[in-house]
Amino acid sequence: MPALTPMQLIVSGVVFYVAQLAMVGYMAMLIQRMSLGRDHDPGYDSAYALAAIAPVPLWLASLSLLVPSIPFVVAVGAVAWVASIMLIRHGVRPLLHISDEKTAHYVANVVTGAGIIDWIGLLVVCAMLLSILLGVWTAMI
């Protein structure tokens, strides 16, 4: 398989960036709906704050790709997952203003599970989009 051209790399980066921006808004809506399901309305702004803060360790973990070591990249990725889950667990109560511990625990569990499922879906959708875009690109050349 030939290496990607600089323009193809830029297109790949833009596709992933736009997908991640859309995912933050979707997760904020999902967090708000899950809280409403437990008779608590945190407001969209609070849900958006949690949705925007939680994936920051995962985004920063991509910088580990600059180190040419697979074990290092995998270790940083695992630490980023744990850090992201901890941000969700500790951020639900203060950001969503949930006073009941059981409700906060439920919302944190559902948000974590939904975040993992959505992350996998994001990767699948991005892979399909890139496959289509790069396939069309190659056919045009």
Protein backbone atom coordinates (compact mmCIF):
# COMPACT_ATOMS: atom_id res chain seq x y z
CA MET A 1 0.00 0.00 0.00
CA PRO A 2 1.50 3.35 -0.99
CA ALA A 3 1.99 6.09 1.56
CA LEU A 4 -0.68 8.76 1.80
CA THR A 5 -0.03 12.09 0.16
CA PRO A 6 0.03 15.25 2.30
CA MET A 7 -3.40 16.25 0.95
CA GLN A 8 -4.85 12.84 1.86
CA LEU A 9 -3.42 13.19 5.37
CA ILE A 10 -5.04 16.62 5.70
CA VAL A 11 -8.39 15.22 4.54
CA SER A 12 -8.06 12.39 7.07
CA GLY A 13 -7.31 14.86 9.86
CA VAL A 14 -10.25 17.10 8.93
CA VAL A 15 -12.64 14.11 8.83
CA PHE A 16 -11.57 12.97 12.31
CA TYR A 17 -11.67 16.53 13.69
CA VAL A 18 -15.19 17.23 12.40
CA ALA A 19 -16.40 13.84 13.67
CA GLN A 20 -14.99 14.54 17.13
CA LEU A 21 -16.60 17.99 17.26
CA ALA A 22 -19.95 16.47 16.31
CA MET A 23 -19.47 13.74 18.92
CA VAL A 24 -18.98 16.26 21.76
CA GLY A 25 -22.34 17.87 20.98
CA TYR A 26 -24.00 14.46 20.67
CA MET A 27 -22.54 13.30 24.01
CA ALA A 28 -23.74 16.51 25.69
CA MET A 29 -27.26 15.82 24.44
CA LEU A 30 -26.98 12.20 25.59
CA ILE A 31 -25.73 13.22 29.06
CA GLN A 32 -28.60 15.67 29.44
CA ARG A 33 -31.16 13.05 28.35
CA MET A 34 -29.77 10.45 30.76
CA SER A 35 -29.94 12.92 33.61
CA LEU A 36 -33.49 13.80 32.67
CA GLY A 37 -34.29 10.09 32.81
CA ARG A 38 -33.34 10.24 36.51
CA ASP A 39 -35.51 13.32 37.10
CA HIS A 40 -32.62 15.76 37.11
CA ASP A 41 -32.13 18.54 34.57
CA PRO A 42 -28.51 19.73 34.52
CA GLY A 43 -29.03 22.00 31.52
CA TYR A 44 -27.26 21.66 28.20
CA ASP A 45 -24.34 23.90 29.23
CA SER A 46 -23.38 21.69 32.16
CA ALA A 47 -23.76 18.53 30.09
CA TYR A 48 -21.64 20.10 27.34
CA ALA A 49 -18.92 20.98 29.85
CA LEU A 50 -18.71 17.34 30.97
CA ALA A 51 -18.78 16.09 27.37
CA ALA A 52 -15.97 18.48 26.41
CA ILE A 53 -13.73 17.86 29.44
CA ALA A 54 -13.97 14.05 29.62
CA PRO A 55 -12.18 13.18 26.33
CA VAL A 56 -9.25 15.57 26.83
CA PRO A 57 -6.87 12.81 28.05
CA LEU A 58 -7.72 10.74 24.97
CA TRP A 59 -7.00 13.69 22.69
CA LEU A 60 -3.70 14.39 24.44
CA ALA A 61 -2.75 10.70 24.24
CA SER A 62 -2.41 11.05 20.49
CA LEU A 63 0.79 12.99 21.14
CA SER A 64 2.34 9.69 22.25
CA LEU A 65 2.38 8.69 18.58
CA LEU A 66 5.43 10.93 18.24
CA VAL A 67 7.40 8.31 20.21
CA PRO A 68 8.23 5.32 17.99
CA SER A 69 7.41 2.67 20.59
CA ILE A 70 4.27 0.54 20.43
CA PRO A 71 4.35 -0.45 24.14
CA PHE A 72 4.66 3.22 25.10
CA VAL A 73 1.75 4.26 22.87
CA VAL A 74 -0.44 1.43 24.21
CA ALA A 75 0.45 2.32 27.82
CA VAL A 76 -0.33 6.00 27.28
CA GLY A 77 -3.62 5.05 25.61
CA ALA A 78 -4.59 2.85 28.57
CA VAL A 79 -3.72 5.62 31.04
CA ALA A 80 -5.73 8.09 28.95
CA TRP A 81 -8.79 5.79 29.05
CA VAL A 82 -8.55 5.51 32.83
CA ALA A 83 -8.06 9.27 33.19
CA SER A 84 -11.07 9.96 30.99
CA ILE A 85 -13.25 7.57 32.99
CA MET A 86 -12.07 9.19 36.23
CA LEU A 87 -12.94 12.64 34.87
CA ILE A 88 -16.45 11.39 34.14
CA ARG A 89 -16.80 9.73 37.56
CA HIS A 90 -15.58 12.78 39.48
CA GLY A 91 -17.13 15.38 37.17
CA VAL A 92 -20.74 14.20 37.19
CA ARG A 93 -21.62 15.55 40.63
CA PRO A 94 -20.07 19.04 40.44
CA LEU A 95 -20.71 19.74 36.75
CA LEU A 96 -24.23 18.34 36.55
CA HIS A 97 -25.13 19.51 40.07
CA ILE A 98 -26.36 16.07 41.17
CA SER A 99 -26.64 15.82 44.94
CA ASP A 100 -27.86 12.20 45.17
CA GLU A 101 -24.96 9.74 45.15
CA LYS A 102 -26.96 6.92 43.52
CA THR A 103 -28.13 9.15 40.70
CA ALA A 104 -24.60 10.45 40.13
CA HIS A 105 -23.24 6.88 40.07
CA TYR A 106 -25.92 5.78 37.59
CA VAL A 107 -25.33 8.76 35.29
CA ALA A 108 -21.54 8.23 35.43
CA ASN A 109 -21.92 4.54 34.54
CA VAL A 110 -24.26 5.19 31.65
CA VAL A 111 -22.16 8.08 30.32
CA THR A 112 -19.02 5.93 30.48
CA GLY A 113 -20.70 3.04 28.68
CA ALA A 114 -22.25 5.30 26.06
CA GLY A 115 -18.93 7.08 25.57
CA ILE A 116 -17.13 3.81 24.86
CA ILE A 117 -19.81 2.64 22.44
CA ASP A 118 -19.89 6.03 20.73
CA TRP A 119 -16.09 6.10 20.45
CA ILE A 120 -16.14 2.75 18.67
CA GLY A 121 -18.93 4.01 16.41
CA LEU A 122 -16.93 7.17 15.69
CA LEU A 123 -13.96 5.09 14.57
CA VAL A 124 -16.15 2.90 12.34
CA VAL A 125 -17.86 5.89 10.71
CA CYS A 126 -14.54 7.70 10.18
CA ALA A 127 -13.01 4.56 8.69
CA MET A 128 -15.94 4.23 6.29
CA LEU A 129 -15.77 7.91 5.31
CA LEU A 130 -12.04 7.76 4.76
CA SER A 131 -12.40 4.54 2.77
CA ILE A 132 -14.95 6.20 0.52
CA LEU A 133 -13.01 9.46 0.17
CA LEU A 134 -9.65 7.82 -0.45
CA GLY A 135 -11.25 5.24 -2.79
CA VAL A 136 -12.83 7.98 -4.87
CA TRP A 137 -9.58 9.96 -4.72
CA THR A 138 -7.55 6.99 -5.99
CA ALA A 139 -10.08 6.27 -8.75
CA MET A 140 -9.88 9.87 -9.97
CA ILE A 141 -6.10 9.78 -10.26
